[in-house]
Amino acid sequence: MKKNILSFASLCFVVSCSLTSPQTPDKNYNYVIDDAADPHAIVEDGTVYVYPTHDQWKRKFYAFSSRDLVNWQRHGPILDFKDISWLPTKKRPWAPGMIQKDGKYYFYYSAGPMPSYIGVAVSDSPIGRFKDSGAALVKDQNQHKDPAQRQGRRFEAIDPMAYHDPVSGKYYLYTGGSAGSTLRVFELNDDMVSIKREINVETPQNFTEGAFIHYHNGMYHFTYSHGRFNKDSYSIYYSTSKTPVGPWTYRGNLMKSDDKFKGPGHHSIIKNSKTDKWYIVYHRWENVEGKGPYRKPGNPRKTAIEEMFYDENGLIKPIPMTAKGVGKVTF
């Protein structure tokens, strides 16, 4: 990510279709894309691209782009699981991550349910189409039903986040969560489609899934989701470090359910280079009540955006969910 770091659609029979979101920030809600969870966002040449999980488009990934965070265009499918020969059938697309290096775009994706896989596909464009590398990058570990057949720690291969460390120049892949709630970090080879080595890291406090990291003011800010995705306990927590691989200093909760919106989580963070403002792009449940689980037909998770602020010590301030949103913003 790297201009670093950061989902309506009726089906279209072309590679890309233009959509103007009827949701506007001056109404009673601020979500920008419907049926779009786990949004990973990046900024490229004044355009914000978002790569989400969709419930309605099985076995396919789409991208969304906007130059103002209000009007969005859908592109794709940018990757169709039927074109991935090594992937077992019936696997569904989850929680992707995107990064750009030397003019190439690398699309890391989860394929589940368990046993899950993380794959990577490559394109010359942020809106694809992407060609898979031909093999799984990371696989589930120790999911055998018989504990005697499991060795070491339990790990589910989901939620990849690729990161370019601006200090060392190295590229890392952060992944893991849910079953086992285990964080794993790998250094990527120069080709970006293979693993150089695994780095032994601690799993920070309250980590469940959805890892994201960014560097600001001499500090690595590691943010992640905690809890069950379809309950009101789902929330975003925060740790920091002097290195991109820990050790982590726990900083507490950043986003949590309130009376109006539930289950904020699996997010990404982007910076507006024109204004030096920061934004968090996340999913949430709307029009639901109680503790969950939420599975209301016709009311899937939605992607929303909030402005993000740092305090006098350079730490991220707790982020309230709003109905107003950020309005039109140009990058």
C-alpha atoms as a PDB file:
ATOM      1  CA  MET A   1       0.000   0.000   0.000  1.00  0.00           C
ATOM      2  CA  LYS A   2       1.883   2.190  -0.724  1.00  0.00           C
ATOM      3  CA  LYS A   3       1.077   5.297  -1.045  1.00  0.00           C
ATOM      4  CA  ASN A   4       0.198   3.439   1.811  1.00  0.00           C
ATOM      5  CA  ILE A   5      -2.395   1.761   3.385  1.00  0.00           C
ATOM      6  CA  LEU A   6      -6.180   1.962   2.541  1.00  0.00           C
ATOM      7  CA  SER A   7     -16.737  -1.079  -0.920  1.00  0.00           C
ATOM      8  CA  PHE A   8     -23.743  -1.629  -4.587  1.00  0.00           C
ATOM      9  CA  ALA A   9     -23.895  -2.721  -7.179  1.00  0.00           C
ATOM     10  CA  SER A  10     -26.229  -4.269  -9.653  1.00  0.00           C
ATOM     11  CA  LEU A  11     -24.539  -6.900 -11.737  1.00  0.00           C
ATOM     12  CA  CYS A  12     -22.908  -5.603 -14.867  1.00  0.00           C
ATOM     13  CA  PHE A  13     -21.875  -7.541 -17.903  1.00  0.00           C
ATOM     14  CA  VAL A  14     -18.844  -5.417 -18.595  1.00  0.00           C
ATOM     15  CA  VAL A  15     -15.539  -5.299 -16.812  1.00  0.00           C
ATOM     16  CA  SER A  16     -16.402  -2.013 -15.114  1.00  0.00           C
ATOM     17  CA  CYS A  17     -19.601  -0.167 -14.421  1.00  0.00           C
ATOM     18  CA  SER A  18     -20.206   3.296 -13.045  1.00  0.00           C
ATOM     19  CA  LEU A  19     -22.184   3.659  -9.837  1.00  0.00           C
ATOM     20  CA  THR A  20     -23.221   6.832  -8.096  1.00  0.00           C
ATOM     21  CA  SER A  21     -23.974   6.009  -4.484  1.00  0.00           C
ATOM     22  CA  PRO A  22     -27.392   7.231  -3.371  1.00  0.00           C
ATOM     23  CA  GLN A  23     -26.045   7.406   0.167  1.00  0.00           C
ATOM     24  CA  THR A  24     -24.853  10.914   0.896  1.00  0.00           C
ATOM     25  CA  PRO A  25     -23.272  12.138   4.114  1.00  0.00           C
ATOM     26  CA  ASP A  26     -26.060  14.640   4.874  1.00  0.00           C
ATOM     27  CA  LYS A  27     -28.587  11.832   5.310  1.00  0.00           C
ATOM     28  CA  ASN A  28     -29.021   9.632   8.368  1.00  0.00           C
ATOM     29  CA  TYR A  29     -26.185   7.273   7.553  1.00  0.00           C
ATOM     30  CA  ASN A  30     -22.724   7.541   6.076  1.00  0.00           C
ATOM     31  CA  TYR A  31     -21.871   4.136   4.694  1.00  0.00           C
ATOM     32  CA  VAL A  32     -20.286   4.480   1.290  1.00  0.00           C
ATOM     33  CA  ILE A  33     -20.642   0.942  -0.083  1.00  0.00           C
ATOM     34  CA  ASP A  34     -23.306  -1.649   0.658  1.00  0.00           C
ATOM     35  CA  ASP A  35     -22.601  -5.389   1.059  1.00  0.00           C
ATOM     36  CA  ALA A  36     -18.915  -4.686   1.530  1.00  0.00           C
ATOM     37  CA  ALA A  37     -16.957  -5.994   4.506  1.00  0.00           C
ATOM     38  CA  ASP A  38     -13.240  -6.233   5.355  1.00  0.00           C
ATOM     39  CA  PRO A  39     -12.407  -3.188   3.185  1.00  0.00           C
ATOM     40  CA  HIS A  40      -8.763  -2.807   2.287  1.00  0.00           C
ATOM     41  CA  ALA A  41      -8.052   0.609   0.770  1.00  0.00           C
ATOM     42  CA  ILE A  42      -5.133   2.195  -1.023  1.00  0.00           C
ATOM     43  CA  VAL A  43      -4.554   5.607  -2.599  1.00  0.00           C
ATOM     44  CA  GLU A  44      -3.076   5.882  -6.071  1.00  0.00           C
ATOM     45  CA  ASP A  45      -2.783   9.123  -8.095  1.00  0.00           C
ATOM     46  CA  GLY A  46      -5.687  10.854  -6.363  1.00  0.00           C
ATOM     47  CA  THR A  47      -7.990   7.815  -6.487  1.00  0.00           C
ATOM     48  CA  VAL A  48      -9.030   5.694  -3.523  1.00  0.00           C
ATOM     49  CA  TYR A  49      -9.426   1.991  -4.314  1.00  0.00           C
ATOM     50  CA  VAL A  50     -11.299  -0.338  -1.946  1.00  0.00           C
ATOM     51  CA  TYR A  51     -11.139  -4.139  -2.040  1.00  0.00           C
ATOM     52  CA  PRO A  52     -13.836  -5.808   0.111  1.00  0.00           C
ATOM     53  CA  THR A  53     -15.469  -9.109   0.903  1.00  0.00           C
ATOM     54  CA  HIS A  54     -18.932  -9.475  -0.699  1.00  0.00           C
ATOM     55  CA  ASP A  55     -21.650 -11.794   0.497  1.00  0.00           C
ATOM     56  CA  GLN A  56     -23.602 -11.672  -2.761  1.00  0.00           C
ATOM     57  CA  TRP A  57     -20.848 -12.321  -5.310  1.00  0.00           C
ATOM     58  CA  LYS A  58     -19.702 -15.830  -4.539  1.00  0.00           C
ATOM     59  CA  ARG A  59     -16.179 -16.859  -5.513  1.00  0.00           C
ATOM     60  CA  LYS A  60     -15.366 -13.482  -7.063  1.00  0.00           C
ATOM     61  CA  PHE A  61     -13.586 -10.319  -6.005  1.00  0.00           C
ATOM     62  CA  TYR A  62     -14.494  -6.805  -7.149  1.00  0.00           C
ATOM     63  CA  ALA A  63     -12.828  -3.430  -6.635  1.00  0.00           C
ATOM     64  CA  PHE A  64     -14.374  -0.015  -6.017  1.00  0.00           C
ATOM     65  CA  SER A  65     -12.813   3.336  -6.847  1.00  0.00           C
ATOM     66  CA  SER A  66     -13.623   6.936  -5.991  1.00  0.00           C
ATOM     67  CA  ARG A  67     -12.033  10.347  -6.323  1.00  0.00           C
ATOM     68  CA  ASP A  68     -14.248  11.958  -3.679  1.00  0.00           C
ATOM     69  CA  LEU A  69     -15.336   9.164  -1.260  1.00  0.00           C
ATOM     70  CA  VAL A  70     -18.981   9.700  -2.249  1.00  0.00           C
ATOM     71  CA  ASN A  71     -19.289   8.538  -5.866  1.00  0.00           C
ATOM     72  CA  TRP A  72     -17.991   5.026  -6.433  1.00  0.00           C
ATOM     73  CA  GLN A  73     -17.315   2.901  -9.492  1.00  0.00           C
ATOM     74  CA  ARG A  74     -17.335  -0.895  -9.366  1.00  0.00           C
ATOM     75  CA  HIS A  75     -14.723  -2.851 -11.346  1.00  0.00           C
ATOM     76  CA  GLY A  76     -14.549  -6.509 -12.079  1.00  0.00           C
ATOM     77  CA  PRO A  77     -14.583  -9.218 -11.294  1.00  0.00           C
ATOM     78  CA  ILE A  78     -10.909  -8.537 -10.771  1.00  0.00           C
ATOM     79  CA  LEU A  79     -10.312 -12.146  -9.691  1.00  0.00           C
ATOM     80  CA  ASP A  80     -12.570 -15.174 -10.202  1.00  0.00           C
ATOM     81  CA  PHE A  81     -11.901 -18.297  -8.163  1.00  0.00           C
ATOM     82  CA  LYS A  82     -12.885 -20.517 -11.097  1.00  0.00           C
ATOM     83  CA  ASP A  83      -9.658 -19.392 -12.785  1.00  0.00           C
ATOM     84  CA  ILE A  84      -7.447 -20.601  -9.917  1.00  0.00           C
ATOM     85  CA  SER A  85      -6.549 -24.206 -10.715  1.00  0.00           C
ATOM     86  CA  TRP A  86      -4.832 -25.090  -7.416  1.00  0.00           C
ATOM     87  CA  LEU A  87      -7.676 -23.872  -5.202  1.00  0.00           C
ATOM     88  CA  PRO A  88     -10.065 -26.540  -3.866  1.00  0.00           C
ATOM     89  CA  THR A  89     -13.658 -26.176  -5.023  1.00  0.00           C
ATOM     90  CA  LYS A  90     -16.295 -24.484  -2.856  1.00  0.00           C
ATOM     91  CA  LYS A  91     -13.794 -22.110  -1.286  1.00  0.00           C
ATOM     92  CA  ARG A  92     -15.134 -18.572  -0.889  1.00  0.00           C
ATOM     93  CA  PRO A  93     -13.261 -15.265  -1.240  1.00  0.00           C
ATOM     94  CA  TRP A  94     -12.569 -13.341   1.930  1.00  0.00           C
ATOM     95  CA  ALA A  95     -10.715 -10.304   3.201  1.00  0.00           C
ATOM     96  CA  PRO A  96      -8.127  -9.293   0.580  1.00  0.00           C
ATOM     97  CA  GLY A  97      -5.164  -6.939   0.805  1.00  0.00           C
ATOM     98  CA  MET A  98      -3.409  -4.934  -1.887  1.00  0.00           C
ATOM     99  CA  ILE A  99       0.049  -3.455  -2.341  1.00  0.00           C
ATOM    100  CA  GLN A 100       1.899  -1.830  -5.231  1.00  0.00           C
ATOM    101  CA  LYS A 101       5.566  -2.372  -6.007  1.00  0.00           C
ATOM    102  CA  ASP A 102       7.512  -1.209  -9.069  1.00  0.00           C
ATOM    103  CA  GLY A 103       4.366  -0.636 -11.129  1.00  0.00           C
ATOM    104  CA  LYS A 104       2.853  -4.046 -10.327  1.00  0.00           C
ATOM    105  CA  TYR A 105      -0.149  -4.614  -8.062  1.00  0.00           C
ATOM    106  CA  TYR A 106      -0.159  -7.613  -5.752  1.00  0.00           C
ATOM    107  CA  PHE A 107      -3.547  -8.824  -4.549  1.00  0.00           C
ATOM    108  CA  TYR A 108      -3.405 -11.081  -1.487  1.00  0.00           C
ATOM    109  CA  TYR A 109      -6.617 -12.920  -0.662  1.00  0.00           C
ATOM    110  CA  SER A 110      -8.136 -15.400   1.765  1.00  0.00           C
ATOM    111  CA  ALA A 111      -9.977 -18.506   0.563  1.00  0.00           C
ATOM    112  CA  GLY A 112     -12.099 -20.354   3.102  1.00  0.00           C
ATOM    113  CA  PRO A 113     -13.715 -21.777   5.108  1.00  0.00           C
ATOM    114  CA  MET A 114     -11.247 -23.973   6.954  1.00  0.00           C
ATOM    115  CA  PRO A 115      -8.940 -25.291   5.863  1.00  0.00           C
ATOM    116  CA  SER A 116      -8.174 -21.813   4.564  1.00  0.00           C
ATOM    117  CA  TYR A 117      -5.528 -20.543   2.179  1.00  0.00           C
ATOM    118  CA  ILE A 118      -3.879 -17.249   1.337  1.00  0.00           C
ATOM    119  CA  GLY A 119      -3.031 -16.738  -2.308  1.00  0.00           C
ATOM    120  CA  VAL A 120      -1.647 -13.865  -4.327  1.00  0.00           C
ATOM    121  CA  ALA A 121      -2.471 -12.582  -7.813  1.00  0.00           C
ATOM    122  CA  VAL A 122      -0.713  -9.932  -9.916  1.00  0.00           C
ATOM    123  CA  SER A 123      -1.794  -7.184 -12.330  1.00  0.00           C
ATOM    124  CA  ASP A 124      -0.443  -4.083 -14.041  1.00  0.00           C
ATOM    125  CA  SER A 125      -3.512  -2.160 -12.850  1.00  0.00           C
ATOM    126  CA  PRO A 126      -5.179  -1.655  -9.457  1.00  0.00           C
ATOM    127  CA  ILE A 127      -8.468  -2.769 -11.046  1.00  0.00           C
ATOM    128  CA  GLY A 128      -7.054  -5.894 -12.694  1.00  0.00           C
ATOM    129  CA  ARG A 129      -7.678  -8.248 -14.099  1.00  0.00           C
ATOM    130  CA  PHE A 130      -5.417 -10.215 -11.774  1.00  0.00           C
ATOM    131  CA  LYS A 131      -3.584 -13.410 -12.615  1.00  0.00           C
ATOM    132  CA  ASP A 132      -2.982 -15.853  -9.791  1.00  0.00           C
ATOM    133  CA  SER A 133       0.599 -16.845  -8.966  1.00  0.00           C
ATOM    134  CA  GLY A 134      -0.241 -20.543  -9.199  1.00  0.00           C
ATOM    135  CA  ALA A 135       0.188 -21.719  -5.610  1.00  0.00           C
ATOM    136  CA  ALA A 136      -0.930 -21.029  -2.056  1.00  0.00           C
ATOM    137  CA  LEU A 137       1.293 -18.622  -0.192  1.00  0.00           C
ATOM    138  CA  VAL A 138       0.157 -19.627   3.318  1.00  0.00           C
ATOM    139  CA  LYS A 139      -2.048 -22.483   4.539  1.00  0.00           C
ATOM    140  CA  ASP A 140      -3.949 -23.373   7.711  1.00  0.00           C
ATOM    141  CA  GLN A 141      -1.945 -25.050  10.404  1.00  0.00           C
ATOM    142  CA  ASN A 142      -2.942 -27.591  13.047  1.00  0.00           C
ATOM    143  CA  GLN A 143      -6.660 -27.815  12.337  1.00  0.00           C
ATOM    144  CA  HIS A 144      -6.836 -31.577  12.879  1.00  0.00           C
ATOM    145  CA  LYS A 145      -9.845 -32.623  15.007  1.00  0.00           C
ATOM    146  CA  ASP A 146      -7.687 -34.950  17.073  1.00  0.00           C
ATOM    147  CA  PRO A 147      -5.481 -32.857  19.426  1.00  0.00           C
ATOM    148  CA  ALA A 148      -2.876 -35.619  19.353  1.00  0.00           C
ATOM    149  CA  GLN A 149      -2.442 -34.932  15.629  1.00  0.00           C
ATOM    150  CA  ARG A 150      -1.866 -31.204  16.167  1.00  0.00           C
ATOM    151  CA  GLN A 151       1.583 -29.837  16.809  1.00  0.00           C
ATOM    152  CA  GLY A 152       2.568 -26.333  17.771  1.00  0.00           C
ATOM    153  CA  ARG A 153       0.165 -23.411  17.684  1.00  0.00           C
ATOM    154  CA  ARG A 154      -3.226 -23.332  15.993  1.00  0.00           C
ATOM    155  CA  PHE A 155      -3.454 -20.972  13.046  1.00  0.00           C
ATOM    156  CA  GLU A 156      -6.085 -20.044  10.451  1.00  0.00           C
ATOM    157  CA  ALA A 157      -4.766 -18.566   7.182  1.00  0.00           C
ATOM    158  CA  ILE A 158      -6.979 -15.503   6.708  1.00  0.00           C
ATOM    159  CA  ASP A 159      -6.879 -11.697   6.462  1.00  0.00           C
ATOM    160  CA  PRO A 160      -3.584 -10.969   4.652  1.00  0.00           C
ATOM    161  CA  MET A 161      -2.106  -7.484   4.919  1.00  0.00           C
ATOM    162  CA  ALA A 162       1.025  -6.717   2.889  1.00  0.00           C
ATOM    163  CA  TYR A 163       3.175  -3.859   4.131  1.00  0.00           C
ATOM    164  CA  HIS A 164       6.220  -1.947   2.924  1.00  0.00           C
ATOM    165  CA  ASP A 165       8.329  -0.807   5.860  1.00  0.00           C
ATOM    166  CA  PRO A 166       9.487   2.741   5.022  1.00  0.00           C
ATOM    167  CA  VAL A 167      12.464   2.428   7.378  1.00  0.00           C
ATOM    168  CA  SER A 168      14.065  -0.860   6.310  1.00  0.00           C
ATOM    169  CA  GLY A 169      12.547  -1.125   2.822  1.00  0.00           C
ATOM    170  CA  LYS A 170      11.421  -4.688   3.560  1.00  0.00           C
ATOM    171  CA  TYR A 171       8.030  -6.108   2.583  1.00  0.00           C
ATOM    172  CA  TYR A 172       6.024  -8.039   5.142  1.00  0.00           C
ATOM    173  CA  LEU A 173       2.843 -10.111   5.138  1.00  0.00           C
ATOM    174  CA  TYR A 174       0.674 -10.040   8.278  1.00  0.00           C
ATOM    175  CA  THR A 175      -1.991 -12.712   8.568  1.00  0.00           C
ATOM    176  CA  GLY A 176      -4.019 -14.880  10.893  1.00  0.00           C
ATOM    177  CA  GLY A 177      -6.831 -14.790  13.369  1.00  0.00           C
ATOM    178  CA  SER A 178     -10.226 -16.287  14.191  1.00  0.00           C
ATOM    179  CA  ALA A 179      -9.562 -19.966  15.005  1.00  0.00           C
ATOM    180  CA  GLY A 180      -6.537 -19.761  17.245  1.00  0.00           C
ATOM    181  CA  SER A 181      -6.468 -15.932  17.106  1.00  0.00           C
ATOM    182  CA  THR A 182      -2.792 -16.232  16.205  1.00  0.00           C
ATOM    183  CA  LEU A 183      -0.818 -13.523  14.438  1.00  0.00           C
ATOM    184  CA  ARG A 184       1.897 -14.606  12.014  1.00  0.00           C
ATOM    185  CA  VAL A 185       4.281 -12.354  10.108  1.00  0.00           C
ATOM    186  CA  PHE A 186       6.363 -13.264   7.055  1.00  0.00           C
ATOM    187  CA  GLU A 187       9.011 -11.374   5.159  1.00  0.00           C
ATOM    188  CA  LEU A 188       8.263 -11.522   1.439  1.00  0.00           C
ATOM    189  CA  ASN A 189      10.819 -12.196  -1.282  1.00  0.00           C
ATOM    190  CA  ASP A 190      11.495  -9.540  -3.903  1.00  0.00           C
ATOM    191  CA  ASP A 191       9.054 -11.254  -6.264  1.00  0.00           C
ATOM    192  CA  MET A 192       6.223 -10.580  -3.748  1.00  0.00           C
ATOM    193  CA  VAL A 193       4.653 -13.968  -4.490  1.00  0.00           C
ATOM    194  CA  SER A 194       6.807 -16.139  -2.246  1.00  0.00           C
ATOM    195  CA  ILE A 195       7.916 -16.212   1.387  1.00  0.00           C
ATOM    196  CA  LYS A 196      11.484 -15.382   2.351  1.00  0.00           C
ATOM    197  CA  ARG A 197      11.152 -16.291   6.016  1.00  0.00           C
ATOM    198  CA  GLU A 198       8.728 -16.330   8.918  1.00  0.00           C
ATOM    199  CA  ILE A 199       9.415 -13.935  11.771  1.00  0.00           C
ATOM    200  CA  ASN A 200       8.593 -15.074  15.277  1.00  0.00           C
ATOM    201  CA  VAL A 201       6.214 -12.494  16.749  1.00  0.00           C
ATOM    202  CA  GLU A 202       3.996 -12.285  19.783  1.00  0.00           C
ATOM    203  CA  THR A 203       0.239 -12.025  19.321  1.00  0.00           C
ATOM    204  CA  PRO A 204      -0.865  -8.709  20.865  1.00  0.00           C
ATOM    205  CA  GLN A 205      -3.548  -8.402  23.506  1.00  0.00           C
ATOM    206  CA  ASN A 206      -7.150  -8.796  22.276  1.00  0.00           C
ATOM    207  CA  PHE A 207      -6.069  -9.810  18.774  1.00  0.00           C
ATOM    208  CA  THR A 208      -8.619 -11.899  16.862  1.00  0.00           C
ATOM    209  CA  GLU A 209      -8.082 -11.064  13.160  1.00  0.00           C
ATOM    210  CA  GLY A 210      -7.860  -8.282  10.574  1.00  0.00           C
ATOM    211  CA  ALA A 211      -4.302  -7.061  11.144  1.00  0.00           C
ATOM    212  CA  PHE A 212      -3.283  -3.657   9.812  1.00  0.00           C
ATOM    213  CA  ILE A 213      -0.089  -1.654  10.355  1.00  0.00           C
ATOM    214  CA  HIS A 214       1.110   1.817   9.434  1.00  0.00           C
ATOM    215  CA  TYR A 215       4.037   4.051  10.359  1.00  0.00           C
ATOM    216  CA  HIS A 216       3.585   7.563  11.714  1.00  0.00           C
ATOM    217  CA  ASN A 217       5.727   9.929  13.742  1.00  0.00           C
ATOM    218  CA  GLY A 218       8.474   7.380  14.433  1.00  0.00           C
ATOM    219  CA  MET A 219       6.070   4.692  15.635  1.00  0.00           C
ATOM    220  CA  TYR A 220       4.457   1.575  14.166  1.00  0.00           C
ATOM    221  CA  HIS A 221       0.712   1.561  14.809  1.00  0.00           C
ATOM    222  CA  PHE A 222      -0.738  -1.960  14.766  1.00  0.00           C
ATOM    223  CA  THR A 223      -4.543  -2.086  14.669  1.00  0.00           C
ATOM    224  CA  TYR A 224      -6.739  -5.181  14.526  1.00  0.00           C
ATOM    225  CA  SER A 225     -10.186  -6.661  15.136  1.00  0.00           C
ATOM    226  CA  HIS A 226     -11.384  -8.452  18.247  1.00  0.00           C
ATOM    227  CA  GLY A 227     -14.458 -10.624  18.794  1.00  0.00           C
ATOM    228  CA  ARG A 228     -16.986 -12.381  16.575  1.00  0.00           C
ATOM    229  CA  PHE A 229     -17.713 -10.560  13.293  1.00  0.00           C
ATOM    230  CA  ASN A 230     -21.518 -10.783  13.623  1.00  0.00           C
ATOM    231  CA  LYS A 231     -21.852  -9.712  17.258  1.00  0.00           C
ATOM    232  CA  ASP A 232     -21.754  -6.370  19.036  1.00  0.00           C
ATOM    233  CA  SER A 233     -18.492  -7.388  20.723  1.00  0.00           C
ATOM    234  CA  TYR A 234     -16.671  -7.020  17.388  1.00  0.00           C
ATOM    235  CA  SER A 235     -14.395  -4.006  17.731  1.00  0.00           C
ATOM    236  CA  ILE A 236     -11.017  -2.519  16.875  1.00  0.00           C
ATOM    237  CA  TYR A 237      -8.040  -2.587  19.230  1.00  0.00           C
ATOM    238  CA  TYR A 238      -4.613  -1.025  19.065  1.00  0.00           C
ATOM    239  CA  SER A 239      -0.969  -1.653  19.947  1.00  0.00           C
ATOM    240  CA  THR A 240       2.255   0.127  19.022  1.00  0.00           C
ATOM    241  CA  SER A 241       5.894  -0.815  18.556  1.00  0.00           C
ATOM    242  CA  LYS A 242       9.281   0.617  17.683  1.00  0.00           C
ATOM    243  CA  THR A 243       9.611  -2.056  14.978  1.00  0.00           C
ATOM    244  CA  PRO A 244       7.177  -3.505  12.424  1.00  0.00           C
ATOM    245  CA  VAL A 245       7.282  -6.893  14.179  1.00  0.00           C
ATOM    246  CA  GLY A 246       6.903  -5.935  17.836  1.00  0.00           C
ATOM    247  CA  PRO A 247       7.220  -6.255  20.765  1.00  0.00           C
ATOM    248  CA  TRP A 248       3.836  -4.591  21.153  1.00  0.00           C
ATOM    249  CA  THR A 249       2.682  -2.020  23.668  1.00  0.00           C
ATOM    250  CA  TYR A 250      -1.054  -2.425  24.181  1.00  0.00           C
ATOM    251  CA  ARG A 251      -3.034   0.805  23.753  1.00  0.00           C
ATOM    252  CA  GLY A 252      -6.639  -0.325  24.207  1.00  0.00           C
ATOM    253  CA  ASN A 253      -9.847   0.068  22.214  1.00  0.00           C
ATOM    254  CA  LEU A 254     -10.236   2.371  19.191  1.00  0.00           C
ATOM    255  CA  MET A 255     -13.756   1.596  17.924  1.00  0.00           C
ATOM    256  CA  LYS A 256     -16.701  -0.243  19.504  1.00  0.00           C
ATOM    257  CA  SER A 257     -20.440  -0.731  19.095  1.00  0.00           C
ATOM    258  CA  ASP A 258     -22.800   2.022  20.174  1.00  0.00           C
ATOM    259  CA  ASP A 259     -26.579   2.538  20.275  1.00  0.00           C
ATOM    260  CA  LYS A 260     -26.789   3.161  16.513  1.00  0.00           C
ATOM    261  CA  PHE A 261     -24.045   1.111  14.836  1.00  0.00           C
ATOM    262  CA  LYS A 262     -22.721  -2.345  15.710  1.00  0.00           C
ATOM    263  CA  GLY A 263     -19.614  -4.430  15.174  1.00  0.00           C
ATOM    264  CA  PRO A 264     -17.029  -2.025  13.705  1.00  0.00           C
ATOM    265  CA  GLY A 265     -14.080  -3.977  12.436  1.00  0.00           C
ATOM    266  CA  HIS A 266     -11.707  -5.265   9.796  1.00  0.00           C
ATOM    267  CA  HIS A 267     -10.440  -1.940   8.611  1.00  0.00           C
ATOM    268  CA  SER A 268      -7.658  -0.186   6.733  1.00  0.00           C
ATOM    269  CA  ILE A 269      -6.101   3.257   7.119  1.00  0.00           C
ATOM    270  CA  ILE A 270      -5.205   5.819   4.465  1.00  0.00           C
ATOM    271  CA  LYS A 271      -3.550   9.214   4.422  1.00  0.00           C
ATOM    272  CA  ASN A 272      -4.516  12.179   2.271  1.00  0.00           C
ATOM    273  CA  SER A 273      -1.175  13.555   1.069  1.00  0.00           C
ATOM    274  CA  LYS A 274      -2.811  16.854   0.064  1.00  0.00           C
ATOM    275  CA  THR A 275      -4.099  17.642   3.538  1.00  0.00           C
ATOM    276  CA  ASP A 276      -2.108  15.301   5.803  1.00  0.00           C
ATOM    277  CA  LYS A 277      -5.419  14.000   7.168  1.00  0.00           C
ATOM    278  CA  TRP A 278      -5.910  10.332   8.032  1.00  0.00           C
ATOM    279  CA  TYR A 279      -8.988   8.162   7.517  1.00  0.00           C
ATOM    280  CA  ILE A 280     -10.103   4.753   8.713  1.00  0.00           C
ATOM    281  CA  VAL A 281     -12.094   2.612   6.267  1.00  0.00           C
ATOM    282  CA  TYR A 282     -14.052  -0.094   8.098  1.00  0.00           C
ATOM    283  CA  HIS A 283     -17.215  -2.202   8.035  1.00  0.00           C
ATOM    284  CA  ARG A 284     -20.164  -2.136  10.411  1.00  0.00           C
ATOM    285  CA  TRP A 285     -23.730  -3.343  10.896  1.00  0.00           C
ATOM    286  CA  GLU A 286     -26.585  -0.866  10.625  1.00  0.00           C
ATOM    287  CA  ASN A 287     -30.266  -1.165  11.563  1.00  0.00           C
ATOM    288  CA  VAL A 288     -29.661  -4.011  14.016  1.00  0.00           C
ATOM    289  CA  GLU A 289     -30.302  -4.268  17.753  1.00  0.00           C
ATOM    290  CA  GLY A 290     -29.089  -6.378  20.625  1.00  0.00           C
ATOM    291  CA  LYS A 291     -25.863  -8.295  20.997  1.00  0.00           C
ATOM    292  CA  GLY A 292     -26.262 -10.438  17.860  1.00  0.00           C
ATOM    293  CA  PRO A 293     -25.495 -12.613  16.048  1.00  0.00           C
ATOM    294  CA  TYR A 294     -26.593 -10.388  13.151  1.00  0.00           C
ATOM    295  CA  ARG A 295     -27.714 -12.091   9.957  1.00  0.00           C
ATOM    296  CA  LYS A 296     -30.614  -9.968   8.822  1.00  0.00           C
ATOM    297  CA  PRO A 297     -31.638 -10.782   5.221  1.00  0.00           C
ATOM    298  CA  GLY A 298     -31.233  -7.760   2.990  1.00  0.00           C
ATOM    299  CA  ASN A 299     -29.051  -5.978   5.523  1.00  0.00           C
ATOM    300  CA  PRO A 300     -25.415  -6.992   4.942  1.00  0.00           C
ATOM    301  CA  ARG A 301     -22.372  -5.286   6.411  1.00  0.00           C
ATOM    302  CA  LYS A 302     -21.469  -1.901   5.007  1.00  0.00           C
ATOM    303  CA  THR A 303     -18.226  -0.018   4.472  1.00  0.00           C
ATOM    304  CA  ALA A 304     -17.991   3.379   6.163  1.00  0.00           C
ATOM    305  CA  ILE A 305     -15.217   5.971   6.533  1.00  0.00           C
ATOM    306  CA  GLU A 306     -14.274   8.204   9.476  1.00  0.00           C
ATOM    307  CA  GLU A 307     -11.528  10.762   9.959  1.00  0.00           C
ATOM    308  CA  MET A 308      -8.805   9.647  12.362  1.00  0.00           C
ATOM    309  CA  PHE A 309      -6.786  11.825  14.736  1.00  0.00           C
ATOM    310  CA  TYR A 310      -3.608  11.498  16.810  1.00  0.00           C
ATOM    311  CA  ASP A 311      -3.143  12.947  20.288  1.00  0.00           C
ATOM    312  CA  GLU A 312      -0.245  15.024  21.612  1.00  0.00           C
ATOM    313  CA  ASN A 313       1.766  11.833  22.205  1.00  0.00           C
ATOM    314  CA  GLY A 314       1.332  10.635  18.634  1.00  0.00           C
ATOM    315  CA  LEU A 315      -1.201   7.938  19.539  1.00  0.00           C
ATOM    316  CA  ILE A 316      -4.469   7.351  17.691  1.00  0.00           C
ATOM    317  CA  LYS A 317      -7.463   8.770  19.538  1.00  0.00           C
ATOM    318  CA  PRO A 318     -10.566   6.596  20.026  1.00  0.00           C
ATOM    319  CA  ILE A 319     -12.733   6.839  16.896  1.00  0.00           C
ATOM    320  CA  PRO A 320     -16.501   7.324  17.176  1.00  0.00           C
ATOM    321  CA  MET A 321     -18.769   5.989  14.461  1.00  0.00           C
ATOM    322  CA  THR A 322     -20.847   8.743  12.905  1.00  0.00           C
ATOM    323  CA  ALA A 323     -23.895   9.119  10.742  1.00  0.00           C
ATOM    324  CA  LYS A 324     -22.431  12.229   9.123  1.00  0.00           C
ATOM    325  CA  GLY A 325     -19.254  10.643   7.777  1.00  0.00           C
ATOM    326  CA  VAL A 326     -16.490  12.633   6.098  1.00  0.00           C
ATOM    327  CA  GLY A 327     -18.389  14.016   3.098  1.00  0.00           C
ATOM    328  CA  LYS A 328     -16.681  14.719  -0.200  1.00  0.00           C
ATOM    329  CA  VAL A 329     -12.923  14.482   0.078  1.00  0.00           C
ATOM    330  CA  THR A 330     -10.415  14.795  -2.761  1.00  0.00           C
ATOM    331  CA  PHE A 331      -7.054  13.108  -2.668  1.00  0.00           C
END
